[in-house]
Each structure stands twice: as structure tokens, then as C-alpha cells.
């Protein structure tokens, strides 16, 4: 009897234990997993999105993108990279878009309203992503994009519709940032305007958004006359004429710029990096700066060794000679070894792991040249293109810290000092090729030439896009066997592989509607026809 009672007690205890047993996860839930009460804050996704817009979409200084912009020309394919425009399928920013959408959804959930700073910036980021895609390929998924499993085969929007929708989103983002936003005081995570108060950061983004909208509008210059429904000149004038409603960048301090540091986001060049000898300065850039006695020549390049050997001084603009991507690597290597070409200024660009400057995604000099172009085209009545043109040039000179009479140390390809050159802003600004020639074709070419010079090693594909749209600068090399097998620069990229593979019907319809059924690199899209 005692044994029975003991066994029954043990069985009861085991039964109770089994019935009440919980898994380790139930007893000790992982605090790092998001739940309804413990979701990832939007502020943690914001820096991821912001970094990816730079790293995935822009390329950075001295990247392959900047070789395609012809600021540097490789003379060694192994160490210097490729000059060839061997474009095929484009990459995309749809992964970034998914994070933007998630950031937006989390912010709305956490703050209880769509009127919050993260949702305002999400509209800007979406517009930026969709325009980035459309510039490269033409028609592209936009209105149905980023829906995940809800729609794995999004329809392609026409390029015009993408631009119209993006312009509207930029307007909404500006209006939201100009109003009352829930959570504005707690806004955090911003990597571009870190160090400012949350209020100041959002004010800076509002300037960026409106300045970016001007970039988008000027990129539509070829479609302004035949698409009156887009109101391109009118929208452009509204921003320029009403800075209270549409604040824009007002100095280089406002630049949308990626900041390098010595810990983890280091500059592409480091001290004692020997790769400088594998890349020469580009003729497209140096041909413009040397012809006008532009002191930025001394900042960005070295004198060509053969020119110095012939007796020229380091302050002689004619001693600076760029190379051309029209030539093949073998010819470029031979010419570089013979000392015919200039190199990048090693003293400036190979001086530290943090680099000499931030990388500008959208800057104050560009803004001024964009406004000057719009005025030159007759889009803003009563405004002075000359004023904005001069402000753009001076802002670019200020960006490099150039002052009248300044003595700059000039080095060779390895950074060894060779002598000094004197900066003369006044001589440059009074050069006949620089003094504004009026609101005419010559004045327009001057604006675009100076815009290209100011873009040096920044702003992603914008130098190329401006040349593709306008044909300026004329120094930009567009033909030659060194460019690729066809000897000419493509006008676009092909669609991403994922679109071709998983969204086949919509992809095929898009190339049929635009290019007669062939995903042709050499055909213009609606934007640039």
C-alpha cells in the first residue's frame, strides 16, 4: 500500500510537471526579437537607408562612376580599373526601397500618425529611388513597386508617369517638413546632418528636397515644351521665386554630403597608396580648367612630367595635360610612362584615411548652376542667370578653400613637393571664357561647362547625365575605340536581371513599347529623345 501511494504521488508529480512545462523560449523570450510591444524603431532603419543611397546608388569619389564621368582615366586595367562603357544590365535600388517602406510603416505604428519626420523623408527617398531607376532604363515599376509578396510582378510605369509621381512626392515631403510633425523632437539616426539638433536636421532635409526637385526639373528640359501638363517651367519658377515655401541650399554648409572618418568609413585613397600612378587626370576636365586659368587645376591634378622636363613651371597651366578614354589601355599606359599625362594630386587626395573633403551627393554649386540654366532657358522671368552662374563658380572655389594670392604646394604623382603655384581667382573670373555671355546658347554652354568642373569626383552619375542631356561639355569624349567595341557611349542600361527573369511579361511589354522589342543600350528613352 505504501509503495502504491508513493508511485501514485510520483505519477501525479510527473503529470503536473509535464502539464506545466514551458519551452526555454517561452520562459526566457529573446529581447532582441521584434514584437508588437518591442518593434525595431524607425531611427535604426534610417541610417541603413541613408548609407545605401550613397554606397549602392552613388559610387563615391574615384570610383568606376567617376571614370565614366571622365574625371580620371585608367592606364592600367588591373590597378586602375576600366575606362570602357561596357554596360549591360543595371543594378537597382529596390532593396533600399523595401527598407524605406519598412521604416515608414514602423514610424506610423510607433508614432500613431503618418505626419511624422520618417514618413516625410520616406517620400523623398522613394522619389529619389524611382528617378534613379528611370534615368537608367526608361519605364520602370514604381506605383506597384515595393509591395513584397502582395505583388511580385509589378506593372511598369511610363518614364513620364514616374517623373510626375516623383515630383508630387517631393512636394508632399516639403509640405510635411514645413508643417507640424509628431515625433520631430525625437528624430534621430541621421548620418548626413549628425551633430545638429533634430529640428535643424529636418530643416536641412527640406532644403535638400527642394534643391533635388530643381535637379529633377532641369533634367526634364528636353520634355518641357512638349509636355505642358507636367508644368516643368512653372514648377521650377515656383521654387526659385518662393524660398519661404520652398527653402533650398544656401551655402556649402548645407550640402547633402557623406562624411568619411578614420574608423570605418574611410576615404577610397589612403596614404602611401601607389595606385595613383595607374590613373591619369581626364582631358575632359583639364581641357576646361587649363583653358580658363582655373586654379582648381592646381588642386586636383599634377603637372605632366614631360612638360616639366621640357622646362615648364608648376604654375604653368599648359603643363597640365589630361588623357582620353578614347584610347586603349595599352596606348594610355605607354603615354603615361612617357610622362605625357597629369595625375591626381596625391598631396590632397592621398593625404589621409579620412580624405580631404566629404563626398557631395547634392551641393550648393550645382544648385546655382541649375537655377542659372533654368533662367537661361527662360523659365524664371526677371531673374539673373549671370548672378547664379557666378555664385555657382564662387561656391565651387570656396569648396576647395581657394583664396586670392594663396600659395599652393604642387607635388608629383607620389606627392613629392615640386614647387608652388599662386591662386588668382580674379584672373580666372575675368577670363573671356568665363565671363557670362548672356542668356543664349553660348551662356548655356558656359553654365554647363562650369557645372561639370564643379562636379569633380562627386554627385554620382550627374556629370554623365548632364552631358547625355545637353552634349556639354564638348570636351567629354563620346567616340573612340577605347570606349567599347562599338566605339560610342551607350544611352542607357538594360533592365535588371530580376525584372527579365521574374517579371517577364511586364518587362517584354516595356521594351516593346519603348524600343521595338529589343532592350537596346543605344536608344534614347523618353527623357532624352
Protein backbone atom coordinates (compact mmCIF):
# COMPACT_ATOMS: atom_id res chain seq x y z
CA UNK A 1 0.00 0.00 0.00
CA UNK A 2 2.81 2.38 0.83
CA UNK A 3 4.51 1.56 -2.46
CA UNK A 4 1.29 2.25 -4.37
CA UNK A 5 0.86 5.62 -2.70
CA UNK A 6 4.45 6.56 -3.45
CA UNK A 7 4.08 5.55 -7.10
CA UNK A 8 0.83 7.46 -7.43
CA UNK A 9 2.44 10.53 -5.93
CA UNK A 10 5.35 10.32 -8.34
CA UNK A 11 2.98 9.89 -11.28
CA UNK A 12 0.90 12.87 -10.17
CA UNK A 13 4.02 14.99 -9.78
CA UNK A 14 5.27 13.96 -13.21
CA UNK A 15 1.86 14.71 -14.71
CA UNK A 16 1.76 18.13 -13.17
CA UNK A 17 5.31 18.79 -14.30
CA UNK A 18 4.54 17.69 -17.84
CA UNK A 19 1.38 19.75 -17.99
CA UNK A 20 3.11 22.88 -16.78
CA UNK A 21 6.33 22.54 -18.80
CA UNK A 22 7.30 25.55 -20.95
CA UNK A 23 9.96 25.84 -23.61
CA UNK A 24 13.06 27.89 -22.95
CA UNK A 25 11.83 30.49 -25.46
CA UNK A 26 8.58 30.83 -23.54
CA UNK A 27 10.32 31.11 -20.20
CA UNK A 28 13.10 33.41 -21.43
CA UNK A 29 11.92 35.30 -24.55
CA UNK A 30 14.67 36.86 -26.68
CA UNK A 31 14.51 40.61 -26.02
CA UNK A 32 16.22 41.29 -29.36
CA UNK A 33 13.37 39.90 -31.43
CA UNK A 34 10.78 42.50 -32.53
CA UNK A 35 7.27 42.03 -31.19
CA UNK A 36 4.15 44.16 -31.12
CA UNK A 37 5.44 45.77 -27.96
CA UNK A 38 9.13 45.76 -28.87
CA UNK A 39 9.50 46.75 -32.53
CA UNK A 40 12.67 47.99 -34.21
CA UNK A 41 12.46 51.80 -34.10
CA UNK A 42 12.40 53.66 -37.41
CA UNK A 43 15.52 55.53 -36.28
CA UNK A 44 17.54 52.33 -36.66
CA UNK A 45 16.46 51.82 -40.27
CA UNK A 46 17.09 55.44 -41.26
CA UNK A 47 20.92 55.23 -41.22
CA UNK A 48 20.80 51.97 -43.19
CA UNK A 49 18.71 53.65 -45.90
CA UNK A 50 20.89 56.75 -45.91
CA UNK A 51 24.12 54.78 -46.18
CA UNK A 52 22.77 52.61 -49.01
CA UNK A 53 21.75 55.65 -51.04
CA UNK A 54 25.45 56.54 -51.04
CA UNK A 55 27.05 53.11 -51.29
CA UNK A 56 24.59 51.41 -53.66
CA UNK A 57 23.47 54.32 -55.77
CA UNK A 58 26.27 56.84 -56.00
CA UNK A 59 29.65 55.20 -56.28
CA UNK A 60 31.71 57.65 -54.24
CA UNK A 61 34.87 59.55 -55.22
CA UNK A 62 37.44 57.97 -57.54
CA UNK A 63 35.06 55.10 -58.28
CA UNK A 64 34.20 53.47 -61.60
CA UNK A 65 31.39 56.01 -61.88
CA UNK A 66 33.91 58.85 -61.82
CA UNK A 67 35.90 57.18 -64.60
CA UNK A 68 32.70 57.10 -66.65
CA UNK A 69 32.36 60.80 -65.79
CA UNK A 70 35.89 61.09 -67.27
CA UNK A 71 37.49 62.83 -64.30
CA UNK A 72 40.14 60.11 -64.06
CA UNK A 73 41.34 57.77 -66.80
CA UNK A 74 42.90 54.41 -66.06
CA UNK A 75 46.17 53.44 -67.71
CA UNK A 76 46.29 50.02 -66.01
CA UNK A 77 43.20 47.80 -66.03
CA UNK A 78 44.38 45.77 -63.02
CA UNK A 79 45.27 48.58 -60.64
CA UNK A 80 43.42 51.50 -62.20
CA UNK A 81 40.16 49.91 -63.29
CA UNK A 82 38.40 50.05 -66.64
CA UNK A 83 37.53 53.06 -68.77
CA UNK A 84 35.20 51.14 -71.05
CA UNK A 85 31.48 51.75 -71.12
CA UNK A 86 30.70 48.03 -71.30
CA UNK A 87 27.26 48.46 -69.83
CA UNK A 88 24.74 45.66 -69.72
CA UNK A 89 22.04 45.20 -67.07
CA UNK A 90 21.69 47.82 -64.38
CA UNK A 91 21.60 47.19 -60.67
CA UNK A 92 18.63 48.58 -58.78
CA UNK A 93 17.72 50.27 -55.50
CA UNK A 94 14.68 48.12 -54.80
CA UNK A 95 16.34 46.59 -51.72
CA UNK A 96 16.72 50.11 -50.39
CA UNK A 97 13.06 50.75 -51.24
CA UNK A 98 11.99 47.81 -49.06
CA UNK A 99 13.83 49.34 -46.11
CA UNK A 100 12.27 52.73 -46.83
CA UNK A 101 8.80 51.19 -46.79
CA UNK A 102 9.54 49.32 -43.57
CA UNK A 103 10.92 52.46 -41.93
CA UNK A 104 7.77 54.33 -42.92
CA UNK A 105 5.45 51.59 -41.60
CA UNK A 106 7.30 51.34 -38.29
CA UNK A 107 7.23 55.11 -37.81
CA UNK A 108 3.48 55.26 -38.40
CA UNK A 109 2.91 52.40 -35.97
CA UNK A 110 5.18 53.78 -33.27
CA UNK A 111 4.11 57.41 -33.53
CA UNK A 112 0.45 56.79 -34.33
CA UNK A 113 0.31 59.10 -37.36
CA UNK A 114 1.58 59.48 -40.90
CA UNK A 115 2.54 63.06 -40.08
CA UNK A 116 6.00 62.21 -38.77
CA UNK A 117 9.54 63.01 -39.95
CA UNK A 118 10.41 59.47 -41.06
CA UNK A 119 7.35 59.27 -43.29
CA UNK A 120 8.17 62.67 -44.77
CA UNK A 121 11.70 61.53 -45.61
CA UNK A 122 10.34 58.23 -46.93
CA UNK A 123 8.54 60.17 -49.65
CA UNK A 124 11.79 61.85 -50.65
CA UNK A 125 13.71 58.58 -50.63
CA UNK A 126 11.06 56.89 -52.79
CA UNK A 127 11.13 59.73 -55.30
CA UNK A 128 14.93 59.58 -55.37
CA UNK A 129 14.91 55.80 -55.94
CA UNK A 130 12.29 55.88 -58.70
CA UNK A 131 14.02 58.71 -60.56
CA UNK A 132 17.35 56.90 -60.16
CA UNK A 133 15.84 53.82 -61.81
CA UNK A 134 14.03 55.70 -64.58
CA UNK A 135 17.13 57.69 -65.54
CA UNK A 136 18.95 54.44 -66.23
CA UNK A 137 16.43 52.28 -68.06
CA UNK A 138 13.28 54.21 -69.03
CA UNK A 139 9.86 52.90 -67.99
CA UNK A 140 10.13 51.18 -64.61
CA UNK A 141 7.96 49.72 -61.83
CA UNK A 142 7.06 52.48 -59.41
CA UNK A 143 3.39 52.76 -58.37
CA UNK A 144 3.21 48.99 -57.72
CA UNK A 145 6.84 48.52 -56.65
CA UNK A 146 7.93 47.51 -53.16
CA UNK A 147 4.74 45.63 -52.25
CA UNK A 148 6.56 42.38 -51.49
CA UNK A 149 4.54 39.19 -51.66
CA UNK A 150 1.41 41.21 -52.32
CA UNK A 151 2.61 41.85 -55.88
CA UNK A 152 5.64 40.05 -57.27
CA UNK A 153 5.02 41.21 -60.84
CA UNK A 154 4.52 44.99 -60.62
CA UNK A 155 3.45 46.84 -63.75
CA UNK A 156 5.91 49.19 -65.42
CA UNK A 157 5.02 52.88 -65.19
CA UNK A 158 5.92 55.08 -68.13
CA UNK A 159 9.02 57.20 -67.55
CA UNK A 160 6.84 60.30 -67.72
CA UNK A 161 4.47 58.91 -65.08
CA UNK A 162 7.42 58.06 -62.81
CA UNK A 163 8.64 61.64 -63.00
CA UNK A 164 5.18 63.14 -62.47
CA UNK A 165 4.58 60.94 -59.43
CA UNK A 166 8.04 61.61 -58.00
CA UNK A 167 7.66 65.38 -58.35
CA UNK A 168 4.36 65.15 -56.48
CA UNK A 169 6.00 63.13 -53.68
CA UNK A 170 8.74 65.74 -53.36
CA UNK A 171 6.09 68.44 -53.00
CA UNK A 172 4.35 66.45 -50.28
CA UNK A 173 7.62 65.80 -48.43
CA UNK A 174 8.42 69.53 -48.48
CA UNK A 175 4.98 70.43 -47.19
CA UNK A 176 5.16 67.83 -44.42
CA UNK A 177 8.56 69.04 -43.23
CA UNK A 178 7.25 72.59 -43.27
CA UNK A 179 4.32 71.69 -41.01
CA UNK A 180 3.86 70.19 -37.57
CA UNK A 181 5.21 66.66 -37.26
CA UNK A 182 4.68 64.20 -34.43
CA UNK A 183 8.00 62.94 -33.06
CA UNK A 184 10.11 65.68 -34.64
CA UNK A 185 11.88 66.41 -31.35
CA UNK A 186 12.84 62.73 -31.00
CA UNK A 187 14.01 62.34 -34.61
CA UNK A 188 17.39 60.55 -34.63
CA UNK A 189 19.66 58.26 -36.63
CA UNK A 190 20.56 60.78 -39.34
CA UNK A 191 24.10 60.19 -40.65
CA UNK A 192 24.23 63.16 -43.04
CA UNK A 193 23.40 66.01 -40.67
CA UNK A 194 24.62 64.41 -37.45
CA UNK A 195 25.60 66.91 -34.80
CA UNK A 196 22.71 69.27 -35.48
CA UNK A 197 19.54 69.38 -33.42
CA UNK A 198 16.65 67.29 -34.71
CA UNK A 199 14.83 70.45 -35.79
CA UNK A 200 17.86 71.68 -37.72
CA UNK A 201 18.36 68.28 -39.34
CA UNK A 202 14.82 68.26 -40.69
CA UNK A 203 15.21 71.86 -41.89
CA UNK A 204 18.33 70.77 -43.79
CA UNK A 205 16.46 67.90 -45.42
CA UNK A 206 13.75 70.27 -46.54
CA UNK A 207 16.40 72.33 -48.36
CA UNK A 208 17.79 69.16 -49.94
CA UNK A 209 14.36 68.03 -51.13
CA UNK A 210 13.58 71.30 -52.91
CA UNK A 211 17.07 71.56 -54.37
CA UNK A 212 16.77 67.98 -55.58
CA UNK A 213 13.41 68.81 -57.16
CA UNK A 214 15.14 71.55 -59.17
CA UNK A 215 17.68 68.94 -60.33
CA UNK A 216 14.84 66.68 -61.46
CA UNK A 217 13.02 69.50 -63.23
CA UNK A 218 16.11 70.65 -65.14
CA UNK A 219 16.76 67.03 -66.15
CA UNK A 220 13.38 67.23 -67.95
CA UNK A 221 14.48 70.18 -70.10
CA UNK A 222 14.05 68.24 -73.36
CA UNK A 223 10.46 67.42 -72.42
CA UNK A 224 9.40 70.83 -71.08
CA UNK A 225 7.86 72.17 -74.29
CA UNK A 226 6.01 69.05 -75.48
CA UNK A 227 4.58 68.05 -72.08
CA UNK A 228 2.74 71.12 -70.82
CA UNK A 229 0.73 69.01 -68.36
CA UNK A 230 3.90 68.47 -66.30
CA UNK A 231 4.25 72.24 -65.76
CA UNK A 232 8.03 71.92 -65.71
CA UNK A 233 9.00 75.60 -66.11
CA UNK A 234 6.18 76.68 -63.81
CA UNK A 235 7.21 74.28 -61.03
CA UNK A 236 10.82 75.39 -61.44
CA UNK A 237 9.90 79.08 -61.15
CA UNK A 238 7.69 78.44 -58.13
CA UNK A 239 10.68 77.13 -56.15
CA UNK A 240 13.09 79.85 -57.24
CA UNK A 241 10.60 82.65 -56.59
CA UNK A 242 9.32 81.46 -53.23
CA UNK A 243 12.17 80.44 -50.88
CA UNK A 244 9.84 80.76 -47.90
CA UNK A 245 7.64 77.95 -49.15
CA UNK A 246 10.47 76.12 -50.91
CA UNK A 247 13.74 76.66 -48.99
CA UNK A 248 16.84 75.48 -50.85
CA UNK A 249 20.55 75.12 -50.08
CA UNK A 250 22.09 78.49 -49.23
CA UNK A 251 25.79 77.60 -48.79
CA UNK A 252 28.25 74.72 -48.94
CA UNK A 253 27.42 74.09 -45.29
CA UNK A 254 24.01 72.86 -46.44
CA UNK A 255 25.42 70.27 -48.87
CA UNK A 256 23.95 66.79 -48.78
CA UNK A 257 27.28 65.07 -48.20
CA UNK A 258 28.61 61.75 -46.96
CA UNK A 259 31.23 62.15 -44.24
CA UNK A 260 34.32 59.96 -44.19
CA UNK A 261 36.12 59.11 -40.98
CA UNK A 262 39.28 57.30 -39.92
CA UNK A 263 37.49 54.46 -38.10
CA UNK A 264 35.23 52.67 -40.58
CA UNK A 265 34.01 54.86 -43.48
CA UNK A 266 37.44 55.69 -44.84
CA UNK A 267 38.30 57.64 -47.98
CA UNK A 268 38.97 55.49 -51.09
CA UNK A 269 42.61 56.64 -51.17
CA UNK A 270 44.98 56.16 -48.28
CA UNK A 271 48.48 57.48 -47.57
CA UNK A 272 51.25 55.61 -49.41
CA UNK A 273 48.70 54.16 -51.85
CA UNK A 274 50.72 53.54 -55.02
CA UNK A 275 47.69 53.28 -57.30
CA UNK A 276 47.80 56.98 -58.22
CA UNK A 277 50.27 56.15 -61.00
CA UNK A 278 47.65 53.83 -62.54
CA UNK A 279 45.15 56.65 -63.18
CA UNK A 280 45.70 59.88 -65.07
CA UNK A 281 43.71 63.08 -64.91
CA UNK A 282 40.95 63.26 -67.52
CA UNK A 283 41.24 65.54 -70.55
CA UNK A 284 37.53 66.38 -70.43
CA UNK A 285 38.11 68.17 -67.12
CA UNK A 286 41.62 69.58 -67.55
CA UNK A 287 40.90 70.93 -71.03
CA UNK A 288 38.27 73.17 -69.46
CA UNK A 289 40.24 74.29 -66.41
CA UNK A 290 43.55 74.99 -68.16
CA UNK A 291 41.90 76.95 -70.97
CA UNK A 292 40.45 79.44 -68.47
CA UNK A 293 43.34 79.57 -65.96
CA UNK A 294 41.15 77.92 -63.37
CA UNK A 295 43.01 77.46 -60.04
CA UNK A 296 41.12 74.24 -59.43
CA UNK A 297 43.65 72.77 -61.87
CA UNK A 298 46.31 73.02 -59.15
CA UNK A 299 44.01 71.48 -56.54
CA UNK A 300 43.01 68.38 -58.47
CA UNK A 301 45.99 67.47 -60.69
CA UNK A 302 49.76 67.31 -61.04
CA UNK A 303 51.78 68.75 -63.94
CA UNK A 304 52.65 66.19 -66.63
CA UNK A 305 56.27 65.04 -66.11
CA UNK A 306 57.21 65.51 -69.77
CA UNK A 307 56.02 69.13 -69.62
CA UNK A 308 58.25 69.82 -66.62
CA UNK A 309 61.14 68.08 -68.32
CA UNK A 310 60.66 70.45 -71.25
CA UNK A 311 61.20 73.39 -68.90
CA UNK A 312 57.69 74.44 -67.87
CA UNK A 313 56.96 75.58 -64.31
CA UNK A 314 54.43 74.00 -61.95
CA UNK A 315 52.30 77.16 -62.10
CA UNK A 316 52.01 77.00 -65.91
CA UNK A 317 48.53 75.82 -66.84
CA UNK A 318 49.80 74.36 -70.11
CA UNK A 319 51.89 71.90 -68.08
CA UNK A 320 48.70 70.09 -67.05
CA UNK A 321 47.58 67.59 -69.69
CA UNK A 322 44.77 65.07 -69.37
CA UNK A 323 44.32 61.73 -71.08
CA UNK A 324 41.39 60.43 -73.11
CA UNK A 325 39.31 57.25 -72.70
CA UNK A 326 39.07 57.11 -76.50
CA UNK A 327 42.49 55.44 -76.38
CA UNK A 328 43.05 51.85 -75.42
CA UNK A 329 44.76 50.88 -72.16
CA UNK A 330 47.99 49.97 -73.95
CA UNK A 331 48.31 53.40 -75.55
CA UNK A 332 47.37 55.11 -72.30
CA UNK A 333 49.97 53.10 -70.41
CA UNK A 334 52.66 53.98 -72.94
CA UNK A 335 51.76 57.66 -72.86
CA UNK A 336 51.63 57.75 -69.09
CA UNK A 337 55.01 56.02 -68.77
CA UNK A 338 56.44 58.61 -71.16
CA UNK A 339 55.20 61.39 -68.84
CA UNK A 340 52.65 62.83 -71.26
CA UNK A 341 49.76 63.00 -68.81
CA UNK A 342 48.94 64.54 -65.46
CA UNK A 343 47.94 62.51 -62.41
CA UNK A 344 45.61 63.13 -59.48
CA UNK A 345 47.02 65.49 -56.86
CA UNK A 346 48.48 62.97 -54.40
CA UNK A 347 49.17 65.64 -51.78
CA UNK A 348 45.45 66.32 -51.49
CA UNK A 349 43.73 63.04 -52.31
CA UNK A 350 46.19 60.55 -50.81
CA UNK A 351 46.98 62.51 -47.66
CA UNK A 352 44.83 60.78 -45.03
CA UNK A 353 42.41 57.93 -44.49
CA UNK A 354 39.69 60.49 -43.79
CA UNK A 355 40.24 62.29 -47.09
CA UNK A 356 40.32 65.99 -47.88
CA UNK A 357 36.55 66.55 -48.16
CA UNK A 358 33.14 64.99 -47.75
CA UNK A 359 31.52 63.33 -50.74
CA UNK A 360 28.73 65.55 -52.05
CA UNK A 361 25.56 63.86 -53.27
CA UNK A 362 23.87 67.20 -53.99
CA UNK A 363 25.58 70.52 -53.42
CA UNK A 364 25.23 74.26 -53.39
CA UNK A 365 27.36 74.87 -56.52
CA UNK A 366 25.16 72.51 -58.54
CA UNK A 367 22.03 74.24 -57.27
CA UNK A 368 23.24 77.61 -58.52
CA UNK A 369 24.18 76.28 -61.94
CA UNK A 370 20.81 74.52 -62.18
CA UNK A 371 18.96 77.75 -61.43
CA UNK A 372 21.19 79.63 -63.88
CA UNK A 373 20.33 77.11 -66.58
CA UNK A 374 16.61 77.40 -65.90
CA UNK A 375 16.80 81.19 -66.15
CA UNK A 376 18.88 80.93 -69.33
CA UNK A 377 16.12 78.76 -70.81
CA UNK A 378 13.52 81.40 -69.95
CA UNK A 379 11.84 79.52 -67.12
CA UNK A 380 12.11 82.27 -64.48
CA UNK A 381 11.12 85.78 -65.52
CA UNK A 382 13.06 88.73 -64.15
CA UNK A 383 15.88 86.66 -62.60
CA UNK A 384 19.56 86.93 -63.44
CA UNK A 385 21.29 83.81 -64.78
CA UNK A 386 24.62 85.62 -64.53
CA UNK A 387 24.19 86.07 -60.76
CA UNK A 388 23.53 82.38 -60.11
CA UNK A 389 26.27 81.34 -62.56
CA UNK A 390 28.81 83.45 -60.66
CA UNK A 391 27.54 82.19 -57.32
CA UNK A 392 28.00 78.63 -58.54
CA UNK A 393 31.60 79.23 -59.60
CA UNK A 394 32.48 81.01 -56.38
CA UNK A 395 30.82 78.32 -54.28
CA UNK A 396 32.94 75.69 -56.01
CA UNK A 397 36.12 77.70 -55.44
CA UNK A 398 35.12 78.11 -51.80
CA UNK A 399 34.54 74.36 -51.51
CA UNK A 400 38.26 73.88 -52.16
CA UNK A 401 39.20 76.75 -49.83
CA UNK A 402 40.82 78.76 -52.61
CA UNK A 403 41.63 82.39 -51.80
CA UNK A 404 43.22 85.20 -53.80
CA UNK A 405 47.01 85.08 -53.68
CA UNK A 406 47.11 81.73 -51.91
CA UNK A 407 50.27 79.67 -52.43
CA UNK A 408 49.57 76.02 -53.22
CA UNK A 409 52.24 73.35 -52.95
CA UNK A 410 52.38 71.30 -56.14
CA UNK A 411 53.57 67.71 -55.95
CA UNK A 412 54.28 64.87 -58.36
CA UNK A 413 52.48 61.54 -58.73
CA UNK A 414 53.92 60.31 -55.42
CA UNK A 415 53.23 63.51 -53.50
CA UNK A 416 56.79 64.83 -53.55
CA UNK A 417 56.71 68.64 -53.49
CA UNK A 418 57.87 70.25 -56.73
CA UNK A 419 57.16 73.92 -56.08
CA UNK A 420 54.29 76.33 -55.57
CA UNK A 421 51.60 77.95 -57.71
CA UNK A 422 49.70 81.12 -56.94
CA UNK A 423 45.90 81.18 -56.87
CA UNK A 424 44.28 84.03 -58.77
CA UNK A 425 40.53 83.89 -58.54
CA UNK A 426 40.28 87.31 -60.18
CA UNK A 427 42.27 86.29 -63.27
CA UNK A 428 40.08 83.22 -63.67
CA UNK A 429 36.77 85.02 -63.11
CA UNK A 430 37.72 87.72 -65.61
CA UNK A 431 38.82 85.24 -68.27
CA UNK A 432 36.94 85.79 -71.52
CA UNK A 433 35.85 82.18 -71.50
CA UNK A 434 34.36 82.54 -68.02
CA UNK A 435 32.63 85.94 -68.13
CA UNK A 436 28.95 85.15 -68.80
CA UNK A 437 27.98 85.66 -72.42
CA UNK A 438 24.27 86.14 -71.86
CA UNK A 439 21.03 84.21 -71.91
CA UNK A 440 21.84 82.48 -75.15
CA UNK A 441 23.42 79.27 -76.42
CA UNK A 442 26.93 80.43 -75.53
CA UNK A 443 25.85 81.30 -71.99
CA UNK A 444 24.15 77.93 -71.62
CA UNK A 445 27.34 76.15 -72.64
CA UNK A 446 29.33 78.15 -70.08
CA UNK A 447 26.89 77.19 -67.31
CA UNK A 448 27.11 73.51 -68.17
CA UNK A 449 30.89 73.59 -68.52
CA UNK A 450 31.29 75.12 -65.08
CA UNK A 451 28.75 72.73 -63.64
CA UNK A 452 30.85 69.81 -64.94
CA UNK A 453 34.01 71.26 -63.37
CA UNK A 454 32.22 71.74 -60.04
CA UNK A 455 31.00 68.12 -60.12
CA UNK A 456 34.59 66.81 -59.91
CA UNK A 457 34.55 63.46 -58.07
CA UNK A 458 31.06 63.96 -56.61
CA UNK A 459 27.31 63.73 -57.30
CA UNK A 460 27.25 60.23 -58.76
CA UNK A 461 26.17 59.98 -62.38
CA UNK A 462 25.04 63.62 -62.67
CA UNK A 463 28.04 64.73 -64.79
CA UNK A 464 27.26 61.97 -67.29
CA UNK A 465 23.52 62.62 -67.21
CA UNK A 466 24.07 66.32 -67.89
CA UNK A 467 26.32 65.53 -70.85
CA UNK A 468 23.82 62.95 -72.17
CA UNK A 469 21.02 65.51 -71.96
CA UNK A 470 22.84 68.55 -73.37
CA UNK A 471 26.01 67.45 -75.17
CA UNK A 472 28.10 69.66 -72.87
CA UNK A 473 30.90 69.85 -72.10
CA UNK A 474 32.13 69.37 -75.66
CA UNK A 475 35.38 68.07 -74.19
CA UNK A 476 33.53 64.96 -72.95
CA UNK A 477 34.82 62.10 -75.15
CA UNK A 478 31.91 60.34 -76.85
CA UNK A 479 33.57 58.26 -79.58
CA UNK A 480 36.70 56.16 -79.86
CA UNK A 481 37.82 52.56 -79.86
CA UNK A 482 38.78 52.74 -76.19
CA UNK A 483 35.18 53.30 -75.09
CA UNK A 484 33.94 49.81 -76.05
CA UNK A 485 33.54 47.53 -79.08
CA UNK A 486 31.10 49.94 -80.72
CA UNK A 487 33.29 52.99 -80.11
CA UNK A 488 30.46 55.02 -78.58
CA UNK A 489 28.88 55.61 -75.19
CA UNK A 490 25.55 53.83 -74.58
CA UNK A 491 22.49 55.96 -73.90
CA UNK A 492 21.03 53.71 -71.20
CA UNK A 493 21.37 50.45 -69.30
CA UNK A 494 19.41 47.25 -69.84
CA UNK A 495 16.77 46.21 -67.31
CA UNK A 496 17.83 44.32 -64.15
CA UNK A 497 18.10 40.55 -64.46
CA UNK A 498 15.37 40.08 -61.84
CA UNK A 499 12.88 42.02 -63.95
CA UNK A 500 13.74 39.96 -67.00
CA UNK A 501 13.53 36.66 -65.08
CA UNK A 502 10.63 37.13 -62.66
CA UNK A 503 8.56 39.89 -64.24
CA UNK A 504 8.93 38.70 -67.81
CA UNK A 505 5.58 39.71 -69.31
CA UNK A 506 5.76 43.29 -68.00
CA UNK A 507 9.44 43.54 -68.98
CA UNK A 508 8.78 42.40 -72.54
CA UNK A 509 5.85 44.80 -72.86
CA UNK A 510 8.05 47.66 -71.64
CA UNK A 511 10.84 47.07 -74.16
CA UNK A 512 8.30 46.58 -76.95
CA UNK A 513 6.58 49.87 -76.14
CA UNK A 514 9.85 51.81 -75.90
CA UNK A 515 12.42 50.12 -78.12
CA UNK A 516 10.56 47.90 -80.56
CA UNK A 517 11.18 44.73 -78.58
CA UNK A 518 14.95 44.98 -78.02
CA UNK A 519 16.48 46.04 -74.71
CA UNK A 520 18.76 48.36 -76.67
CA UNK A 521 21.60 50.19 -74.90
CA UNK A 522 21.95 52.71 -77.69
CA UNK A 523 18.40 54.00 -77.86
CA UNK A 524 17.23 57.10 -76.01
CA UNK A 525 14.36 56.95 -73.59
CA UNK A 526 11.53 59.48 -73.42
CA UNK A 527 13.71 61.60 -71.10
CA UNK A 528 16.48 62.30 -73.61
CA UNK A 529 14.93 61.86 -77.05
